[in-house]
PDB file of N, CA and C in Angstrom:
ATOM      1  N   MET A   1      23.840  55.676   8.374  1.00  0.00           N
ATOM      2  CA  MET A   1      23.120  54.516   8.989  1.00  0.00           C
ATOM      3  C   MET A   1      24.024  53.060   8.895  1.00  0.00           C
ATOM      4  N   SER A   2      24.687  52.644  10.213  1.00  0.00           N
ATOM      5  CA  SER A   2      25.464  51.425   9.542  1.00  0.00           C
ATOM      6  C   SER A   2      24.392  50.306   8.787  1.00  0.00           C
ATOM      7  N   GLY A   3      23.484  49.694   9.827  1.00  0.00           N
ATOM      8  CA  GLY A   3      22.174  49.021   9.553  1.00  0.00           C
ATOM      9  C   GLY A   3      22.802  47.263   9.790  1.00  0.00           C
ATOM     10  N   ARG A   4      22.119  46.006  11.088  1.00  0.00           N
ATOM     11  CA  ARG A   4      22.809  44.887  11.344  1.00  0.00           C
ATOM     12  C   ARG A   4      22.347  44.209  10.575  1.00  0.00           C
ATOM     13  N   ILE A   5      21.285  44.620  10.180  1.00  0.00           N
ATOM     14  CA  ILE A   5      20.423  43.514   9.859  1.00  0.00           C
ATOM     15  C   ILE A   5      20.493  43.128   7.762  1.00  0.00           C
ATOM     16  N   VAL A   6      20.898  41.640   7.502  1.00  0.00           N
ATOM     17  CA  VAL A   6      21.185  41.183   6.411  1.00  0.00           C
ATOM     18  C   VAL A   6      20.040  40.458   5.750  1.00  0.00           C
ATOM     19  N   ILE A   7      19.306  41.746   5.051  1.00  0.00           N
ATOM     20  CA  ILE A   7      18.308  40.905   4.049  1.00  0.00           C
ATOM     21  C   ILE A   7      18.700  39.775   2.587  1.00  0.00           C
ATOM     22  N   GLY A   8      18.277  39.016   2.508  1.00  0.00           N
ATOM     23  CA  GLY A   8      18.687  38.703   0.942  1.00  0.00           C
ATOM     24  C   GLY A   8      17.473  38.164   0.933  1.00  0.00           C
ATOM     25  N   SER A   9      16.951  38.164  -0.831  1.00  0.00           N
ATOM     26  CA  SER A   9      16.103  38.064  -1.514  1.00  0.00           C
ATOM     27  C   SER A   9      15.490  37.979  -3.025  1.00  0.00           C
ATOM     28  N   GLN A  10      15.605  37.477  -3.605  1.00  0.00           N
ATOM     29  CA  GLN A  10      15.108  36.784  -5.022  1.00  0.00           C
ATOM     30  C   GLN A  10      15.040  38.436  -6.034  1.00  0.00           C
ATOM     31  N   PHE A  11      16.701  38.805  -6.565  1.00  0.00           N
ATOM     32  CA  PHE A  11      16.083  39.927  -7.818  1.00  0.00           C
ATOM     33  C   PHE A  11      15.861  39.846  -8.593  1.00  0.00           C
ATOM     34  N   GLY A  12      14.715  41.449  -8.207  1.00  0.00           N
ATOM     35  CA  GLY A  12      14.296  42.165  -9.164  1.00  0.00           C
ATOM     36  C   GLY A  12      12.567  41.638  -8.655  1.00  0.00           C
ATOM     37  N   THR A  13      12.254  40.901  -8.040  1.00  0.00           N
ATOM     38  CA  THR A  13      11.356  40.669  -7.418  1.00  0.00           C
ATOM     39  C   THR A  13      10.434  41.124  -6.323  1.00  0.00           C
ATOM     40  N   THR A  14       9.044  41.341  -6.292  1.00  0.00           N
ATOM     41  CA  THR A  14       8.299  42.025  -5.314  1.00  0.00           C
ATOM     42  C   THR A  14       8.873  42.582  -4.114  1.00  0.00           C
ATOM     43  N   GLY A  15      10.109  41.242  -3.539  1.00  0.00           N
ATOM     44  CA  GLY A  15      10.184  41.497  -1.913  1.00  0.00           C
ATOM     45  C   GLY A  15      11.432  42.557  -2.193  1.00  0.00           C
ATOM     46  N   TRP A  16      12.237  42.102  -3.450  1.00  0.00           N
ATOM     47  CA  TRP A  16      13.604  42.343  -3.506  1.00  0.00           C
ATOM     48  C   TRP A  16      13.168  44.289  -3.957  1.00  0.00           C
ATOM     49  N   TRP A  17      12.164  44.696  -4.649  1.00  0.00           N
ATOM     50  CA  TRP A  17      12.092  46.081  -4.681  1.00  0.00           C
ATOM     51  C   TRP A  17      11.507  46.965  -3.381  1.00  0.00           C
ATOM     52  N   TRP A  18      10.251  46.070  -2.932  1.00  0.00           N
ATOM     53  CA  TRP A  18       9.817  46.664  -1.433  1.00  0.00           C
ATOM     54  C   TRP A  18      10.739  46.745  -0.372  1.00  0.00           C
ATOM     55  N   VAL A  19      11.975  45.677  -0.884  1.00  0.00           N
ATOM     56  CA  VAL A  19      13.316  46.513   0.499  1.00  0.00           C
ATOM     57  C   VAL A  19      13.830  48.277   0.160  1.00  0.00           C
ATOM     58  N   GLN A  20      13.950  47.280  -1.571  1.00  0.00           N
ATOM     59  CA  GLN A  20      14.862  48.577  -1.873  1.00  0.00           C
ATOM     60  C   GLN A  20      14.218  50.154  -1.816  1.00  0.00           C
ATOM     61  N   ASP A  21      12.760  49.796  -1.969  1.00  0.00           N
ATOM     62  CA  ASP A  21      12.202  51.519  -1.374  1.00  0.00           C
ATOM     63  C   ASP A  21      11.904  51.655  -0.127  1.00  0.00           C
ATOM     64  N   ASN A  22      11.890  50.207   0.326  1.00  0.00           N
ATOM     65  CA  ASN A  22      10.706  51.075   2.027  1.00  0.00           C
ATOM     66  C   ASN A  22      12.337  50.175   2.672  1.00  0.00           C
ATOM     67  N   LEU A  23      12.996  50.077   2.578  1.00  0.00           N
ATOM     68  CA  LEU A  23      14.132  50.228   3.376  1.00  0.00           C
ATOM     69  C   LEU A  23      15.978  51.100   2.928  1.00  0.00           C
ATOM     70  N   ILE A  24      16.406  51.080   1.735  1.00  0.00           N
ATOM     71  CA  ILE A  24      16.842  51.130   1.669  1.00  0.00           C
ATOM     72  C   ILE A  24      16.637  53.338   1.018  1.00  0.00           C
ATOM     73  N   ALA A  25      15.792  52.841   0.048  1.00  0.00           N
ATOM     74  CA  ALA A  25      16.044  54.712   0.205  1.00  0.00           C
ATOM     75  C   ALA A  25      15.442  55.459   0.587  1.00  0.00           C
ATOM     76  N   THR A  26      15.180  54.992   2.301  1.00  0.00           N
ATOM     77  CA  THR A  26      14.339  55.631   3.015  1.00  0.00           C
ATOM     78  C   THR A  26      15.248  56.035   3.479  1.00  0.00           C
ATOM     79  N   GLY A  27      16.304  55.838   4.110  1.00  0.00           N
ATOM     80  CA  GLY A  27      17.691  55.208   4.637  1.00  0.00           C
ATOM     81  C   GLY A  27      18.101  54.644   5.648  1.00  0.00           C
ATOM     82  N   LYS A  28      16.562  52.974   6.082  1.00  0.00           N
ATOM     83  CA  LYS A  28      16.921  52.375   7.651  1.00  0.00           C
ATOM     84  C   LYS A  28      17.348  51.305   7.217  1.00  0.00           C
ATOM     85  N   MET A  29      17.945  51.190   6.181  1.00  0.00           N
ATOM     86  CA  MET A  29      19.073  49.922   5.707  1.00  0.00           C
ATOM     87  C   MET A  29      19.834  50.108   4.613  1.00  0.00           C
ATOM     88  N   PRO A  30      21.000  49.641   5.197  1.00  0.00           N
ATOM     89  CA  PRO A  30      21.957  49.824   3.255  1.00  0.00           C
ATOM     90  C   PRO A  30      21.842  49.660   2.931  1.00  0.00           C
ATOM     91  N   ALA A  31      22.405  49.698   1.165  1.00  0.00           N
ATOM     92  CA  ALA A  31      22.754  49.291  -0.285  1.00  0.00           C
ATOM     93  C   ALA A  31      22.809  47.781   0.147  1.00  0.00           C
ATOM     94  N   SER A  32      23.913  48.102   0.900  1.00  0.00           N
ATOM     95  CA  SER A  32      25.425  46.702   1.502  1.00  0.00           C
ATOM     96  C   SER A  32      24.803  45.667   2.278  1.00  0.00           C
ATOM     97  N   ASN A  33      23.580  45.239   2.585  1.00  0.00           N
ATOM     98  CA  ASN A  33      22.985  44.918   3.484  1.00  0.00           C
ATOM     99  C   ASN A  33      21.433  43.930   3.154  1.00  0.00           C
ATOM    100  N   LEU A  34      21.313  44.250   1.636  1.00  0.00           N
ATOM    101  CA  LEU A  34      20.695  43.944   0.891  1.00  0.00           C
ATOM    102  C   LEU A  34      21.722  43.134  -0.250  1.00  0.00           C
ATOM    103  N   LYS A  35      21.255  42.131   0.566  1.00  0.00           N
ATOM    104  CA  LYS A  35      21.771  40.510  -0.416  1.00  0.00           C
ATOM    105  C   LYS A  35      20.900  39.407  -1.976  1.00  0.00           C
ATOM    106  N   SER A  36      21.385  40.405  -2.461  1.00  0.00           N
ATOM    107  CA  SER A  36      20.887  39.450  -3.993  1.00  0.00           C
ATOM    108  C   SER A  36      20.690  38.387  -4.226  1.00  0.00           C
ATOM    109  N   PHE A  37      19.810  37.246  -4.935  1.00  0.00           N
ATOM    110  CA  PHE A  37      20.186  36.564  -5.552  1.00  0.00           C
ATOM    111  C   PHE A  37      19.008  36.037  -6.750  1.00  0.00           C
ATOM    112  N   GLY A  38      19.611  34.851  -7.511  1.00  0.00           N
ATOM    113  CA  GLY A  38      19.196  34.236  -8.619  1.00  0.00           C
ATOM    114  C   GLY A  38      17.762  34.033  -8.107  1.00  0.00           C
ATOM    115  N   ASN A  39      18.137  33.311  -7.656  1.00  0.00           N
ATOM    116  CA  ASN A  39      15.992  32.369  -7.247  1.00  0.00           C
ATOM    117  C   ASN A  39      16.027  32.176  -6.078  1.00  0.00           C
ATOM    118  N   PHE A  40      14.807  32.187  -5.069  1.00  0.00           N
ATOM    119  CA  PHE A  40      14.699  31.671  -4.037  1.00  0.00           C
ATOM    120  C   PHE A  40      15.231  31.034  -2.929  1.00  0.00           C
ATOM    121  N   PRO A  41      15.130  30.012  -3.314  1.00  0.00           N
ATOM    122  CA  PRO A  41      15.729  29.549  -2.300  1.00  0.00           C
ATOM    123  C   PRO A  41      17.074  29.638  -2.500  1.00  0.00           C
ATOM    124  N   LEU A  42      17.653  30.014  -2.881  1.00  0.00           N
ATOM    125  CA  LEU A  42      19.059  30.755  -2.885  1.00  0.00           C
ATOM    126  C   LEU A  42      19.192  31.317  -1.617  1.00  0.00           C
ATOM    127  N   ALA A  43      18.399  32.124  -1.455  1.00  0.00           N
ATOM    128  CA  ALA A  43      18.641  32.762  -0.664  1.00  0.00           C
ATOM    129  C   ALA A  43      18.427  32.429   0.863  1.00  0.00           C
ATOM    130  N   ILE A  44      16.894  31.111   0.626  1.00  0.00           N
ATOM    131  CA  ILE A  44      16.665  30.245   2.386  1.00  0.00           C
ATOM    132  C   ILE A  44      17.703  29.643   2.258  1.00  0.00           C
ATOM    133  N   SER A  45      19.275  28.726   1.306  1.00  0.00           N
ATOM    134  CA  SER A  45      19.576  27.989   1.798  1.00  0.00           C
ATOM    135  C   SER A  45      20.912  29.445   2.647  1.00  0.00           C
ATOM    136  N   ALA A  46      21.230  30.354   2.240  1.00  0.00           N
ATOM    137  CA  ALA A  46      22.028  31.495   2.740  1.00  0.00           C
ATOM    138  C   ALA A  46      21.416  32.140   4.366  1.00  0.00           C
ATOM    139  N   LEU A  47      19.585  31.670   4.591  1.00  0.00           N
ATOM    140  CA  LEU A  47      19.258  31.786   5.978  1.00  0.00           C
ATOM    141  C   LEU A  47      19.728  30.600   5.736  1.00  0.00           C
ATOM    142  N   MET A  48      19.261  29.625   5.781  1.00  0.00           N
ATOM    143  CA  MET A  48      19.893  28.678   6.915  1.00  0.00           C
ATOM    144  C   MET A  48      21.590  28.302   7.550  1.00  0.00           C
ATOM    145  N   ASN A  49      22.303  28.741   6.327  1.00  0.00           N
ATOM    146  CA  ASN A  49      23.500  28.864   6.746  1.00  0.00           C
ATOM    147  C   ASN A  49      24.147  30.921   7.657  1.00  0.00           C
ATOM    148  N   ARG A  50      22.979  31.321   7.911  1.00  0.00           N
ATOM    149  CA  ARG A  50      23.517  31.884   8.728  1.00  0.00           C
ATOM    150  C   ARG A  50      24.235  33.401   7.533  1.00  0.00           C
ATOM    151  N   GLN A  51      24.235  32.960   5.921  1.00  0.00           N
ATOM    152  CA  GLN A  51      24.574  34.527   5.546  1.00  0.00           C
ATOM    153  C   GLN A  51      24.044  35.724   5.724  1.00  0.00           C
ATOM    154  N   VAL A  52      22.327  35.820   5.824  1.00  0.00           N
ATOM    155  CA  VAL A  52      21.902  36.850   5.765  1.00  0.00           C
ATOM    156  C   VAL A  52      20.609  36.277   6.654  1.00  0.00           C
ATOM    157  N   ASP A  53      20.244  37.393   8.080  1.00  0.00           N
ATOM    158  CA  ASP A  53      19.310  37.078   8.682  1.00  0.00           C
ATOM    159  C   ASP A  53      17.742  36.770   8.659  1.00  0.00           C
ATOM    160  N   ALA A  54      17.347  37.817   6.995  1.00  0.00           N
ATOM    161  CA  ALA A  54      15.776  37.814   6.952  1.00  0.00           C
ATOM    162  C   ALA A  54      16.005  37.505   5.682  1.00  0.00           C
ATOM    163  N   THR A  55      14.605  36.742   5.276  1.00  0.00           N
ATOM    164  CA  THR A  55      14.514  36.967   3.623  1.00  0.00           C
ATOM    165  C   THR A  55      13.251  38.054   3.350  1.00  0.00           C
ATOM    166  N   VAL A  56      13.113  37.889   2.106  1.00  0.00           N
ATOM    167  CA  VAL A  56      11.657  38.479   1.712  1.00  0.00           C
ATOM    168  C   VAL A  56      11.096  38.403   0.414  1.00  0.00           C
ATOM    169  N   TYR A  57       9.827  37.957   0.815  1.00  0.00           N
ATOM    170  CA  TYR A  57       9.277  37.057  -0.548  1.00  0.00           C
ATOM    171  C   TYR A  57       8.187  36.956  -0.304  1.00  0.00           C
ATOM    172  N   ASP A  58       7.096  36.300  -1.097  1.00  0.00           N
ATOM    173  CA  ASP A  58       6.058  35.960  -1.503  1.00  0.00           C
ATOM    174  C   ASP A  58       5.304  34.980  -0.356  1.00  0.00           C
ATOM    175  N   THR A  59       4.238  34.574   0.271  1.00  0.00           N
ATOM    176  CA  THR A  59       4.568  34.156   1.473  1.00  0.00           C
ATOM    177  C   THR A  59       3.123  32.427   0.848  1.00  0.00           C
ATOM    178  N   PRO A  60       3.340  32.398  -0.362  1.00  0.00           N
ATOM    179  CA  PRO A  60       2.906  30.777   0.261  1.00  0.00           C
ATOM    180  C   PRO A  60       4.098  30.120  -0.877  1.00  0.00           C
ATOM    181  N   PRO A  61       4.771  30.167  -1.628  1.00  0.00           N
ATOM    182  CA  PRO A  61       6.314  29.546  -1.341  1.00  0.00           C
ATOM    183  C   PRO A  61       7.543  29.795  -0.533  1.00  0.00           C
ATOM    184  N   THR A  62       7.363  31.158   0.440  1.00  0.00           N
ATOM    185  CA  THR A  62       7.960  30.612   1.816  1.00  0.00           C
ATOM    186  C   THR A  62       7.666  30.100   2.420  1.00  0.00           C
ATOM    187  N   VAL A  63       6.295  29.713   2.633  1.00  0.00           N
ATOM    188  CA  VAL A  63       5.698  29.416   3.678  1.00  0.00           C
ATOM    189  C   VAL A  63       5.958  27.602   3.301  1.00  0.00           C
ATOM    190  N   ASN A  64       5.822  26.925   1.708  1.00  0.00           N
ATOM    191  CA  ASN A  64       6.313  26.001   0.937  1.00  0.00           C
ATOM    192  C   ASN A  64       7.972  25.858   1.926  1.00  0.00           C
ATOM    193  N   ILE A  65       8.536  26.401   1.481  1.00  0.00           N
ATOM    194  CA  ILE A  65       9.548  25.905   1.493  1.00  0.00           C
ATOM    195  C   ILE A  65      10.436  26.077   2.871  1.00  0.00           C
ATOM    196  N   ILE A  66       9.678  26.038   3.455  1.00  0.00           N
ATOM    197  CA  ILE A  66      10.745  27.006   4.696  1.00  0.00           C
ATOM    198  C   ILE A  66       9.441  25.620   5.912  1.00  0.00           C
ATOM    199  N   SER A  67       8.197  24.633   5.609  1.00  0.00           N
ATOM    200  CA  SER A  67       7.738  23.732   6.077  1.00  0.00           C
ATOM    201  C   SER A  67       8.795  23.102   7.193  1.00  0.00           C
ATOM    202  N   GLN A  68       9.784  22.499   6.174  1.00  0.00           N
ATOM    203  CA  GLN A  68      10.617  21.085   6.388  1.00  0.00           C
ATOM    204  C   GLN A  68      11.892  22.472   8.067  1.00  0.00           C
ATOM    205  N   LEU A  69      11.720  23.244   7.283  1.00  0.00           N
ATOM    206  CA  LEU A  69      13.356  23.924   7.239  1.00  0.00           C
ATOM    207  C   LEU A  69      13.049  24.558   9.411  1.00  0.00           C
ATOM    208  N   ASP A  70      13.678  24.816   9.913  1.00  0.00           N
ATOM    209  CA  ASP A  70      13.898  25.246  11.547  1.00  0.00           C
ATOM    210  C   ASP A  70      14.232  27.100  11.386  1.00  0.00           C
ATOM    211  N   ALA A  71      12.739  27.573  10.218  1.00  0.00           N
ATOM    212  CA  ALA A  71      12.490  28.795  10.486  1.00  0.00           C
ATOM    213  C   ALA A  71      10.968  29.531  10.488  1.00  0.00           C
ATOM    214  N   LYS A  72      10.535  30.141  10.634  1.00  0.00           N
ATOM    215  CA  LYS A  72       9.313  30.709  10.256  1.00  0.00           C
ATOM    216  C   LYS A  72       9.202  32.235  10.280  1.00  0.00           C
ATOM    217  N   ILE A  73       8.058  32.569   9.526  1.00  0.00           N
ATOM    218  CA  ILE A  73       7.494  33.477   9.103  1.00  0.00           C
ATOM    219  C   ILE A  73       7.116  34.774  10.573  1.00  0.00           C
ATOM    220  N   ILE A  74       7.916  35.582  10.328  1.00  0.00           N
ATOM    221  CA  ILE A  74       7.621  36.810  11.480  1.00  0.00           C
ATOM    222  C   ILE A  74       7.068  37.753  10.809  1.00  0.00           C
ATOM    223  N   HIS A  75       6.550  38.281   9.943  1.00  0.00           N
ATOM    224  CA  HIS A  75       6.217  39.291   9.315  1.00  0.00           C
ATOM    225  C   HIS A  75       5.391  39.545   8.222  1.00  0.00           C
ATOM    226  N   GLU A  76       4.276  39.457   7.415  1.00  0.00           N
ATOM    227  CA  GLU A  76       4.039  39.833   5.718  1.00  0.00           C
ATOM    228  C   GLU A  76       3.709  40.975   5.816  1.00  0.00           C
ATOM    229  N   ILE A  77       3.999  41.521   4.331  1.00  0.00           N
ATOM    230  CA  ILE A  77       4.042  43.051   4.385  1.00  0.00           C
ATOM    231  C   ILE A  77       2.831  43.002   2.969  1.00  0.00           C
ATOM    232  N   ASP A  78       2.302  43.181   3.176  1.00  0.00           N
ATOM    233  CA  ASP A  78       0.569  43.975   1.826  1.00  0.00           C
ATOM    234  C   ASP A  78       1.390  44.513   0.887  1.00  0.00           C
ATOM    235  N   THR A  79       1.709  44.212   0.056  1.00  0.00           N
ATOM    236  CA  THR A  79       1.937  45.020  -0.841  1.00  0.00           C
ATOM    237  C   THR A  79       0.787  45.325  -2.294  1.00  0.00           C
ATOM    238  N   LYS A  80      -0.831  44.832  -1.773  1.00  0.00           N
ATOM    239  CA  LYS A  80      -1.902  44.905  -2.839  1.00  0.00           C
ATOM    240  C   LYS A  80      -1.282  43.688  -4.293  1.00  0.00           C
ATOM    241  N   GLU A  81      -0.745  43.134  -4.600  1.00  0.00           N
ATOM    242  CA  GLU A  81      -0.948  41.831  -5.207  1.00  0.00           C
ATOM    243  C   GLU A  81      -1.968  41.442  -5.463  1.00  0.00           C
ATOM    244  N   GLU A  82      -1.467  40.980  -6.993  1.00  0.00           N
ATOM    245  CA  GLU A  82      -3.403  40.369  -7.144  1.00  0.00           C
ATOM    246  C   GLU A  82      -2.382  39.385  -8.103  1.00  0.00           C
ATOM    247  N   TYR A  83      -2.358  37.736  -8.613  1.00  0.00           N
ATOM    248  CA  TYR A  83      -2.305  37.349  -9.697  1.00  0.00           C
ATOM    249  C   TYR A  83      -2.900  36.626 -10.665  1.00  0.00           C
ATOM    250  N   GLY A  84      -2.046  36.185 -11.737  1.00  0.00           N
ATOM    251  CA  GLY A  84      -3.354  35.977 -13.036  1.00  0.00           C
ATOM    252  C   GLY A  84      -1.584  34.838 -13.304  1.00  0.00           C
ATOM    253  N   ILE A  85      -3.066  34.431 -14.669  1.00  0.00           N
ATOM    254  CA  ILE A  85      -2.343  33.241 -15.609  1.00  0.00           C
ATOM    255  C   ILE A  85      -2.373  33.799 -16.810  1.00  0.00           C
ATOM    256  N   ALA A  86      -1.150  33.717 -17.533  1.00  0.00           N
ATOM    257  CA  ALA A  86      -0.755  34.784 -19.367  1.00  0.00           C
ATOM    258  C   ALA A  86      -0.695  32.787 -19.836  1.00  0.00           C
ATOM    259  N   VAL A  87      -1.517  33.173 -20.629  1.00  0.00           N
ATOM    260  CA  VAL A  87      -1.884  32.581 -21.938  1.00  0.00           C
ATOM    261  C   VAL A  87      -1.850  32.466 -22.993  1.00  0.00           C
ATOM    262  N   ARG A  88      -0.774  32.333 -23.805  1.00  0.00           N
ATOM    263  CA  ARG A  88      -0.459  32.998 -25.419  1.00  0.00           C
ATOM    264  C   ARG A  88      -1.514  32.823 -26.263  1.00  0.00           C
ATOM    265  N   LYS A  89      -2.480  34.347 -26.712  1.00  0.00           N
ATOM    266  CA  LYS A  89      -3.355  34.178 -27.562  1.00  0.00           C
ATOM    267  C   LYS A  89      -3.493  33.052 -28.105  1.00  0.00           C
ATOM    268  N   ASP A  90      -2.697  32.555 -28.896  1.00  0.00           N
ATOM    269  CA  ASP A  90      -2.966  30.907 -30.473  1.00  0.00           C
ATOM    270  C   ASP A  90      -2.904  30.837 -29.836  1.00  0.00           C
ATOM    271  N   ASP A  91      -3.016  30.031 -28.473  1.00  0.00           N
ATOM    272  CA  ASP A  91      -3.189  28.466 -27.716  1.00  0.00           C
ATOM    273  C   ASP A  91      -4.585  28.480 -27.293  1.00  0.00           C
ATOM    274  N   ALA A  92      -5.611  28.327 -28.106  1.00  0.00           N
ATOM    275  CA  ALA A  92      -7.436  27.816 -27.574  1.00  0.00           C
ATOM    276  C   ALA A  92      -7.616  27.295 -26.734  1.00  0.00           C
ATOM    277  N   ASN A  93      -7.377  25.939 -27.728  1.00  0.00           N
ATOM    278  CA  ASN A  93      -6.876  25.134 -26.222  1.00  0.00           C
ATOM    279  C   ASN A  93      -6.600  24.608 -25.261  1.00  0.00           C
ATOM    280  N   LEU A  94      -5.420  25.812 -25.321  1.00  0.00           N
ATOM    281  CA  LEU A  94      -5.207  25.953 -24.204  1.00  0.00           C
ATOM    282  C   LEU A  94      -6.123  27.089 -22.804  1.00  0.00           C
ATOM    283  N   LEU A  95      -6.560  28.012 -23.404  1.00  0.00           N
ATOM    284  CA  LEU A  95      -7.346  28.630 -22.961  1.00  0.00           C
ATOM    285  C   LEU A  95      -8.791  28.257 -22.495  1.00  0.00           C
ATOM    286  N   ALA A  96      -9.066  27.301 -23.586  1.00  0.00           N
ATOM    287  CA  ALA A  96     -10.391  26.783 -22.799  1.00  0.00           C
ATOM    288  C   ALA A  96     -10.361  25.755 -21.764  1.00  0.00           C
ATOM    289  N   THR A  97      -9.622  24.889 -21.174  1.00  0.00           N
ATOM    290  CA  THR A  97      -9.084  24.562 -20.671  1.00  0.00           C
ATOM    291  C   THR A  97      -8.522  25.016 -19.102  1.00  0.00           C
ATOM    292  N   MET A  98      -7.693  25.420 -19.123  1.00  0.00           N
ATOM    293  CA  MET A  98      -7.712  26.265 -18.004  1.00  0.00           C
ATOM    294  C   MET A  98      -8.634  27.448 -18.173  1.00  0.00           C
ATOM    295  N   ASN A  99      -9.539  27.534 -18.576  1.00  0.00           N
ATOM    296  CA  ASN A  99     -11.044  28.387 -18.680  1.00  0.00           C
ATOM    297  C   ASN A  99     -11.713  27.278 -17.494  1.00  0.00           C
ATOM    298  N   ALA A 100     -12.343  26.315 -18.499  1.00  0.00           N
ATOM    299  CA  ALA A 100     -12.497  24.990 -18.032  1.00  0.00           C
ATOM    300  C   ALA A 100     -12.567  25.119 -16.327  1.00  0.00           C
ATOM    301  N   GLY A 101     -10.990  24.212 -16.244  1.00  0.00           N
ATOM    302  CA  GLY A 101     -10.995  23.533 -14.937  1.00  0.00           C
ATOM    303  C   GLY A 101     -11.084  25.484 -13.560  1.00  0.00           C
ATOM    304  N   LEU A 102     -10.676  26.198 -14.182  1.00  0.00           N
ATOM    305  CA  LEU A 102     -11.485  27.846 -13.232  1.00  0.00           C
ATOM    306  C   LEU A 102     -12.674  27.632 -12.633  1.00  0.00           C
ATOM    307  N   ASP A 103     -13.172  26.883 -13.791  1.00  0.00           N
ATOM    308  CA  ASP A 103     -14.826  27.106 -13.734  1.00  0.00           C
ATOM    309  C   ASP A 103     -15.058  26.117 -12.555  1.00  0.00           C
ATOM    310  N   LEU A 104     -14.715  25.252 -13.083  1.00  0.00           N
ATOM    311  CA  LEU A 104     -14.762  23.887 -12.185  1.00  0.00           C
ATOM    312  C   LEU A 104     -14.539  23.950 -10.596  1.00  0.00           C
ATOM    313  N   LEU A 105     -13.488  24.814 -10.108  1.00  0.00           N
ATOM    314  CA  LEU A 105     -13.469  24.961  -9.827  1.00  0.00           C
ATOM    315  C   LEU A 105     -13.871  26.509  -8.661  1.00  0.00           C
ATOM    316  N   MET A 106     -13.606  27.352  -8.843  1.00  0.00           N
ATOM    317  CA  MET A 106     -15.013  28.466  -8.080  1.00  0.00           C
ATOM    318  C   MET A 106     -16.285  27.655  -8.197  1.00  0.00           C
ATOM    319  N   ASN A 107     -16.600  26.783  -8.849  1.00  0.00           N
ATOM    320  CA  ASN A 107     -18.447  26.793  -8.509  1.00  0.00           C
ATOM    321  C   ASN A 107     -18.655  25.906  -7.613  1.00  0.00           C
ATOM    322  N   ASP A 108     -17.241  25.649  -7.481  1.00  0.00           N
ATOM    323  CA  ASP A 108     -17.022  24.091  -6.396  1.00  0.00           C
ATOM    324  C   ASP A 108     -17.693  23.769  -4.905  1.00  0.00           C
ATOM    325  N   PRO A 109     -17.996  24.028  -3.754  1.00  0.00           N
ATOM    326  CA  PRO A 109     -17.637  24.923  -2.205  1.00  0.00           C
ATOM    327  C   PRO A 109     -16.580  25.484  -2.072  1.00  0.00           C
ATOM    328  N   TYR A 110     -16.322  23.761  -2.202  1.00  0.00           N
ATOM    329  CA  TYR A 110     -14.312  24.084  -1.715  1.00  0.00           C
ATOM    330  C   TYR A 110     -13.542  25.542  -2.246  1.00  0.00           C
ATOM    331  N   TRP A 111     -13.724  26.128  -3.200  1.00  0.00           N
ATOM    332  CA  TRP A 111     -13.141  27.452  -3.307  1.00  0.00           C
ATOM    333  C   TRP A 111     -13.505  28.326  -2.180  1.00  0.00           C
ATOM    334  N   ASP A 112     -15.397  28.319  -1.552  1.00  0.00           N
ATOM    335  CA  ASP A 112     -15.869  29.107  -0.234  1.00  0.00           C
ATOM    336  C   ASP A 112     -14.716  28.942   0.270  1.00  0.00           C
ATOM    337  N   GLU A 113     -14.435  27.347   0.866  1.00  0.00           N
ATOM    338  CA  GLU A 113     -13.043  27.110   2.296  1.00  0.00           C
ATOM    339  C   GLU A 113     -11.760  27.788   1.861  1.00  0.00           C
ATOM    340  N   LEU A 114     -11.632  27.325   0.402  1.00  0.00           N
ATOM    341  CA  LEU A 114     -10.250  28.343   0.492  1.00  0.00           C
ATOM    342  C   LEU A 114     -10.082  29.773   0.677  1.00  0.00           C
ATOM    343  N   LYS A 115     -11.222  29.886  -0.165  1.00  0.00           N
ATOM    344  CA  LYS A 115     -10.603  31.669  -0.565  1.00  0.00           C
ATOM    345  C   LYS A 115     -10.323  32.107   1.608  1.00  0.00           C
ATOM    346  N   VAL A 116     -11.501  31.986   2.841  1.00  0.00           N
ATOM    347  CA  VAL A 116     -11.289  31.862   3.398  1.00  0.00           C
ATOM    348  C   VAL A 116     -10.242  31.264   4.368  1.00  0.00           C
ATOM    349  N   LYS A 117      -9.700  29.782   4.298  1.00  0.00           N
ATOM    350  CA  LYS A 117      -8.701  29.707   4.801  1.00  0.00           C
ATOM    351  C   LYS A 117      -7.678  30.717   4.664  1.00  0.00           C
ATOM    352  N   TYR A 118      -7.508  30.778   3.847  1.00  0.00           N
ATOM    353  CA  TYR A 118      -6.485  31.879   2.781  1.00  0.00           C
ATOM    354  C   TYR A 118      -6.962  33.421   2.581  1.00  0.00           C
ATOM    355  N   ALA A 119      -8.220  33.355   3.117  1.00  0.00           N
ATOM    356  CA  ALA A 119      -8.119  34.853   3.504  1.00  0.00           C
ATOM    357  C   ALA A 119      -7.775  36.031   2.233  1.00  0.00           C
ATOM    358  N   LEU A 120      -8.787  35.702   0.976  1.00  0.00           N
ATOM    359  CA  LEU A 120      -8.578  35.390  -0.458  1.00  0.00           C
ATOM    360  C   LEU A 120     -10.352  36.921  -0.648  1.00  0.00           C
ATOM    361  N   VAL A 121      -9.296  38.091  -0.477  1.00  0.00           N
ATOM    362  CA  VAL A 121     -10.936  38.818  -0.740  1.00  0.00           C
ATOM    363  C   VAL A 121     -10.710  38.821  -1.581  1.00  0.00           C
ATOM    364  N   GLY A 122     -11.832  39.101  -2.342  1.00  0.00           N
ATOM    365  CA  GLY A 122     -13.072  39.101  -3.390  1.00  0.00           C
ATOM    366  C   GLY A 122     -12.611  38.078  -4.967  1.00  0.00           C
ATOM    367  N   ALA A 123     -11.621  37.472  -4.416  1.00  0.00           N
ATOM    368  CA  ALA A 123     -11.703  36.313  -5.014  1.00  0.00           C
ATOM    369  C   ALA A 123     -12.937  35.081  -5.341  1.00  0.00           C
TER     370      ALA A 123
END
C-alpha cells in the first residue's frame, strides 16, 4: 500500500501509538507516512506548513493550540484514557494542597457544569 496521507504526532504519545497499532500495523498506512515530532507544537507547525496532512494528539491541548489557527478537529479517537495527577510521596504539603483544591472544585456546583460541558463521564 502506498498511502497518500502523512500524519504527524508527538513521538511516544498515545496518539502516536494509536497510529502505529491501528494504521501501520494493519497495513492501512505505511510507516514512512508517520512523521514523529519531539513535541506537539512542532507537529502543528508541520501541519500549518503543509508538511503533514493531519495530526493525532490529545483533544484538550489540540483544541487550545489550534484555536487561533486555520485548522479544525475532524475526528476524535476514543482511547479510554483517564488522567491522573502524580505527587512525590515525600511531599505531604503539596499532596494536602492538591487534595484540598480538588475537594473545593468537586464540591462546587460549577464542577457539574464542567462535567456536562466536557463530557467527563464518571468524573
